Amino acid sequence: MVNMTWIILTMQPRLMKINSSAARSMTLALGIFLPEYLLYRYDHDDQTEEGGE
């Protein structure tokens, strides 16, 4: 029977690599799409305020 501690310790570097890759991807996605989304919301908020008056 394989010791679970050994499996966890051997898998840890792979999991850390996946996690750091996922973190980089999320940071890149937020850096690209968040400013666009905020500009979109800002533009549409102005249009709804003008229409309501």
C-alpha atoms as a PDB file:
ATOM      1  CA  MET A   1       0.000   0.000   0.000  1.00  0.00           C
ATOM      2  CA  VAL A   2       1.303   3.436  -0.929  1.00  0.00           C
ATOM      3  CA  ASN A   3       1.805   5.985   1.806  1.00  0.00           C
ATOM      4  CA  MET A   4      -0.519   9.008   1.245  1.00  0.00           C
ATOM      5  CA  THR A   5       2.082  11.435   2.611  1.00  0.00           C
ATOM      6  CA  TRP A   6       4.493  10.369  -0.125  1.00  0.00           C
ATOM      7  CA  ILE A   7       1.832  10.924  -2.805  1.00  0.00           C
ATOM      8  CA  ILE A   8       0.977  14.385  -1.461  1.00  0.00           C
ATOM      9  CA  LEU A   9       4.633  15.431  -1.245  1.00  0.00           C
ATOM     10  CA  THR A  10       5.397  14.237  -4.774  1.00  0.00           C
ATOM     11  CA  MET A  11       2.306  15.944  -6.226  1.00  0.00           C
ATOM     12  CA  GLN A  12       2.831  19.260  -4.423  1.00  0.00           C
ATOM     13  CA  PRO A  13       5.226  20.855  -6.973  1.00  0.00           C
ATOM     14  CA  ARG A  14       2.840  19.987  -9.808  1.00  0.00           C
ATOM     15  CA  LEU A  15      -0.107  21.463  -7.951  1.00  0.00           C
ATOM     16  CA  MET A  16       1.844  24.623  -7.151  1.00  0.00           C
ATOM     17  CA  LYS A  17       2.751  24.992 -10.832  1.00  0.00           C
ATOM     18  CA  ILE A  18      -0.907  24.648 -11.824  1.00  0.00           C
ATOM     19  CA  ASN A  19      -1.988  27.124  -9.154  1.00  0.00           C
ATOM     20  CA  SER A  20       0.590  29.726 -10.164  1.00  0.00           C
ATOM     21  CA  SER A  21      -0.396  29.303 -13.806  1.00  0.00           C
ATOM     22  CA  ALA A  22      -4.058  29.767 -12.921  1.00  0.00           C
ATOM     23  CA  ALA A  23      -3.234  32.845 -10.846  1.00  0.00           C
ATOM     24  CA  ARG A  24      -1.292  34.386 -13.739  1.00  0.00           C
ATOM     25  CA  SER A  25      -4.152  33.671 -16.122  1.00  0.00           C
ATOM     26  CA  MET A  26      -6.700  35.260 -13.802  1.00  0.00           C
ATOM     27  CA  THR A  27      -4.506  38.322 -13.320  1.00  0.00           C
ATOM     28  CA  LEU A  28      -4.112  38.718 -17.064  1.00  0.00           C
ATOM     29  CA  ALA A  29      -7.835  38.268 -17.666  1.00  0.00           C
ATOM     30  CA  LEU A  30      -8.727  40.843 -15.028  1.00  0.00           C
ATOM     31  CA  GLY A  31      -6.155  43.274 -16.421  1.00  0.00           C
ATOM     32  CA  ILE A  32      -7.664  43.000 -19.893  1.00  0.00           C
ATOM     33  CA  PHE A  33     -11.385  42.746 -19.252  1.00  0.00           C
ATOM     34  CA  LEU A  34     -12.006  44.710 -16.062  1.00  0.00           C
ATOM     35  CA  PRO A  35     -11.172  48.147 -17.526  1.00  0.00           C
ATOM     36  CA  GLU A  36     -13.342  47.396 -20.571  1.00  0.00           C
ATOM     37  CA  TYR A  37     -16.227  46.312 -18.368  1.00  0.00           C
ATOM     38  CA  LEU A  38     -15.926  49.377 -16.158  1.00  0.00           C
ATOM     39  CA  LEU A  39     -15.932  51.678 -19.186  1.00  0.00           C
ATOM     40  CA  TYR A  40     -18.981  49.871 -20.554  1.00  0.00           C
ATOM     41  CA  ARG A  41     -20.828  50.246 -17.251  1.00  0.00           C
ATOM     42  CA  TYR A  42     -19.818  53.904 -16.953  1.00  0.00           C
ATOM     43  CA  ASP A  43     -21.112  54.664 -20.457  1.00  0.00           C
ATOM     44  CA  HIS A  44     -24.398  52.853 -19.904  1.00  0.00           C
ATOM     45  CA  ASP A  45     -24.968  54.400 -16.476  1.00  0.00           C
ATOM     46  CA  ASP A  46     -24.830  57.840 -18.096  1.00  0.00           C
ATOM     47  CA  GLN A  47     -27.410  56.805 -20.703  1.00  0.00           C
ATOM     48  CA  THR A  48     -29.877  55.507 -18.093  1.00  0.00           C
ATOM     49  CA  GLU A  49     -29.563  58.695 -16.015  1.00  0.00           C
ATOM     50  CA  GLU A  50     -30.258  60.874 -19.073  1.00  0.00           C
ATOM     51  CA  GLY A  51     -33.292  58.798 -20.050  1.00  0.00           C
ATOM     52  CA  GLY A  52     -34.808  58.935 -16.558  1.00  0.00           C
ATOM     53  CA  GLU A  53     -34.847  62.711 -16.238  1.00  0.00           C
END
